[in-house]
Amino acid sequence: MSFYTLKKSMLAILFFFTATSSPYSLSQAQGSGQSIISFTINEFITIEDVDNINLNPTPGAPAQGTDLFCVAGDGFPAFSIIFTGLGTGPGTPFTLRGRQGAELNYQVSFLNATSGGAPIAALPGVPITNNTLQANNCMNNNALFNVLVPASEWEPVAGMAPFRGRLLITVESE
């Protein structure tokens, strides 16, 4: 073998090792892409554990009942709550209906807690706003509503009992 052939073989081997061990060899292809990452918390709100209220008045005293319930949600700091009676709207009273078409007005109040503080009087169909959201699940009750019928309202129509009505409670995120 001549020196020229040996030199040519060495160059071929050197070229082979250089071409195959380089990350930028002629046989490699490369591409890239990008991704936009979005993180979204979907708002949700729920009201749970709302129960019926049975009023059993004592003569000379208002008929009153309270229900503890839960408002929970996520994705917002506050909520509004709206109380609407069956057949009532803004400017009309909450009403119970008895026998022979007798009607009995009642009052509703709300407290964004289960004790302490003064409940806020509710008006039919009018939101009570800026209530701090206290929970993201309903493991425990965290609010209450109260129904009150003054004695001056129920005593004159007591003979038309039983009185019934429906109270719709709606919560909305703010």
Protein backbone atom coordinates (compact mmCIF):
# COMPACT_ATOMS: atom_id res chain seq x y z
CA MET A 1 0.00 0.00 0.00
CA SER A 2 1.37 3.30 -0.91
CA PHE A 3 1.64 6.30 1.32
CA TYR A 4 -0.85 8.10 -0.91
CA THR A 5 -3.49 5.33 -0.49
CA LEU A 6 -2.92 5.24 3.27
CA LYS A 7 -3.33 9.01 3.49
CA LYS A 8 -6.52 8.82 1.43
CA SER A 9 -7.90 6.04 3.69
CA MET A 10 -7.06 8.04 6.83
CA LEU A 11 -8.85 11.09 5.46
CA ALA A 12 -11.91 8.99 4.64
CA ILE A 13 -11.97 7.52 8.18
CA LEU A 14 -11.48 10.97 9.74
CA PHE A 15 -14.29 12.40 7.60
CA PHE A 16 -16.55 9.46 8.58
CA PHE A 17 -16.01 10.01 12.34
CA THR A 18 -16.45 13.79 12.03
CA ALA A 19 -19.65 13.50 9.98
CA THR A 20 -21.32 10.86 12.16
CA SER A 21 -20.37 12.19 15.63
CA SER A 22 -21.25 15.86 15.08
CA PRO A 23 -24.66 17.05 16.29
CA TYR A 24 -24.82 19.17 13.14
CA SER A 25 -24.06 16.53 10.61
CA LEU A 26 -25.56 16.77 7.19
CA SER A 27 -27.93 13.84 7.79
CA GLN A 28 -29.78 15.37 10.82
CA ALA A 29 -32.97 17.44 10.47
CA GLN A 30 -34.24 19.75 13.17
CA GLY A 31 -37.50 21.58 13.83
CA SER A 32 -39.10 23.48 16.69
CA GLY A 33 -42.52 24.63 17.83
CA GLN A 34 -44.11 26.53 20.65
CA SER A 35 -47.11 26.17 22.93
CA ILE A 36 -49.22 28.81 24.63
CA ILE A 37 -50.16 27.65 28.13
CA SER A 38 -53.44 28.98 29.54
CA PHE A 39 -54.66 28.49 33.10
CA THR A 40 -58.34 29.28 33.64
CA ILE A 41 -60.52 28.88 36.70
CA ASN A 42 -64.12 28.58 35.65
CA GLU A 43 -66.54 30.39 37.91
CA PHE A 44 -69.16 28.32 39.66
CA ILE A 45 -71.65 28.99 42.41
CA THR A 46 -73.98 26.70 44.30
CA ILE A 47 -76.62 26.96 46.99
CA GLU A 48 -77.35 23.86 49.06
CA ASP A 49 -79.27 22.64 52.08
CA VAL A 50 -82.23 25.02 51.72
CA ASP A 51 -85.08 23.52 53.72
CA ASN A 52 -88.77 24.18 54.16
CA ILE A 53 -89.91 26.44 56.99
CA ASN A 54 -93.00 25.53 59.01
CA LEU A 55 -94.42 28.44 61.01
CA ASN A 56 -96.37 27.61 64.18
CA PRO A 57 -97.47 30.92 65.69
CA THR A 58 -98.29 31.68 69.30
CA PRO A 59 -101.16 34.17 69.85
CA GLY A 60 -99.87 37.72 70.28
CA ALA A 61 -96.40 36.90 68.90
CA PRO A 62 -94.92 37.00 65.42
CA ALA A 63 -94.60 33.73 63.55
CA GLN A 64 -90.95 33.24 62.70
CA GLY A 65 -88.67 30.59 61.22
CA THR A 66 -85.01 30.41 60.23
CA ASP A 67 -83.14 28.14 57.84
CA LEU A 68 -79.38 27.64 57.71
CA PHE A 69 -77.97 26.88 54.27
CA CYS A 70 -74.74 27.02 52.25
CA VAL A 71 -73.47 29.24 49.45
CA ALA A 72 -70.19 28.14 47.87
CA GLY A 73 -68.27 28.86 44.70
CA ASP A 74 -64.95 29.67 43.11
CA GLY A 75 -63.45 32.16 40.70
CA PHE A 76 -64.91 35.35 42.24
CA PRO A 77 -64.78 37.12 45.63
CA ALA A 78 -68.43 38.07 46.24
CA PHE A 79 -71.99 37.15 45.37
CA SER A 80 -75.48 38.61 45.37
CA ILE A 81 -78.59 36.85 46.61
CA ILE A 82 -82.14 37.45 45.42
CA PHE A 83 -85.31 36.32 47.20
CA THR A 84 -88.46 36.02 45.12
CA GLY A 85 -91.82 34.77 46.32
CA LEU A 86 -94.28 32.89 44.18
CA GLY A 87 -96.09 35.53 42.17
CA THR A 88 -94.03 38.41 43.57
CA GLY A 89 -91.64 40.80 41.96
CA PRO A 90 -89.95 44.11 42.72
CA GLY A 91 -92.32 46.38 44.63
CA THR A 92 -94.77 43.62 45.67
CA PRO A 93 -94.74 41.91 49.08
CA PHE A 94 -93.84 38.31 49.83
CA THR A 95 -97.22 36.60 50.12
CA LEU A 96 -98.63 33.32 51.42
CA ARG A 97 -102.02 32.15 50.17
CA GLY A 98 -104.67 30.54 52.35
CA ARG A 99 -108.18 29.19 51.96
CA GLN A 100 -110.82 31.23 50.16
CA GLY A 101 -108.14 33.39 48.51
CA ALA A 102 -106.86 34.85 51.77
CA GLU A 103 -103.38 36.36 51.57
CA LEU A 104 -100.79 36.81 54.27
CA ASN A 105 -97.71 38.99 53.77
CA TYR A 106 -94.39 38.00 55.29
CA GLN A 107 -90.90 39.45 55.62
CA VAL A 108 -87.58 37.87 54.65
CA SER A 109 -84.11 38.72 55.94
CA PHE A 110 -80.66 37.36 55.09
CA LEU A 111 -77.39 36.99 56.97
CA ASN A 112 -74.15 35.89 55.28
CA ALA A 113 -73.24 33.91 58.42
CA THR A 114 -74.96 31.38 60.67
CA SER A 115 -74.90 33.57 63.77
CA GLY A 116 -74.06 37.07 64.97
CA GLY A 117 -74.60 40.24 63.05
CA ALA A 118 -77.85 41.81 61.95
CA PRO A 119 -79.75 40.20 59.09
CA ILE A 120 -80.45 42.39 56.05
CA ALA A 121 -84.11 42.87 55.08
CA ALA A 122 -84.80 41.41 51.65
CA LEU A 123 -87.12 42.99 49.13
CA PRO A 124 -88.76 40.69 46.55
CA GLY A 125 -86.63 40.46 43.41
CA VAL A 126 -84.03 42.98 44.61
CA PRO A 127 -80.43 41.68 44.94
CA ILE A 128 -78.59 41.89 48.24
CA THR A 129 -75.08 42.54 46.93
CA ASN A 130 -71.45 42.42 48.08
CA ASN A 131 -71.66 39.25 50.14
CA THR A 132 -68.21 37.76 50.67
CA LEU A 133 -67.89 34.23 49.34
CA GLN A 134 -66.88 32.08 52.32
CA ALA A 135 -66.35 28.61 50.88
CA ASN A 136 -65.61 26.70 47.70
CA ASN A 137 -67.64 23.68 48.81
CA CYS A 138 -70.68 23.08 50.98
CA MET A 139 -69.16 21.03 53.77
CA ASN A 140 -70.89 23.34 56.30
CA ASN A 141 -73.74 25.82 56.28
CA ASN A 142 -72.53 29.42 56.17
CA ALA A 143 -75.63 31.62 55.74
CA LEU A 144 -79.21 31.94 56.92
CA PHE A 145 -82.54 33.41 55.94
CA ASN A 146 -85.37 34.27 58.25
CA VAL A 147 -89.11 34.45 57.56
CA LEU A 148 -91.29 36.57 59.83
CA VAL A 149 -95.05 37.17 59.86
CA PRO A 150 -96.06 39.87 62.35
CA ALA A 151 -98.93 38.96 64.68
CA SER A 152 -100.90 41.90 63.24
CA GLU A 153 -100.75 40.15 59.84
CA TRP A 154 -101.59 36.56 60.75
CA GLU A 155 -104.09 36.90 63.62
CA PRO A 156 -106.91 38.53 61.56
CA VAL A 157 -106.77 35.72 58.95
CA ALA A 158 -105.90 32.78 61.22
CA GLY A 159 -109.19 31.06 60.35
CA MET A 160 -108.09 30.86 56.68
CA ALA A 161 -105.08 28.66 57.46
CA PRO A 162 -103.21 26.76 56.25
CA PHE A 163 -101.22 29.33 54.28
CA ARG A 164 -98.60 28.27 51.77
CA GLY A 165 -96.08 29.96 49.54
CA ARG A 166 -92.86 29.36 47.74
CA LEU A 167 -89.66 31.33 48.19
CA LEU A 168 -87.11 31.16 45.39
CA ILE A 169 -83.52 31.97 46.40
CA THR A 170 -81.07 32.80 43.63
CA VAL A 171 -77.33 33.42 44.06
CA GLU A 172 -75.13 35.07 41.42
CA SER A 173 -71.41 35.72 41.26
CA GLU A 174 -70.21 39.32 41.31
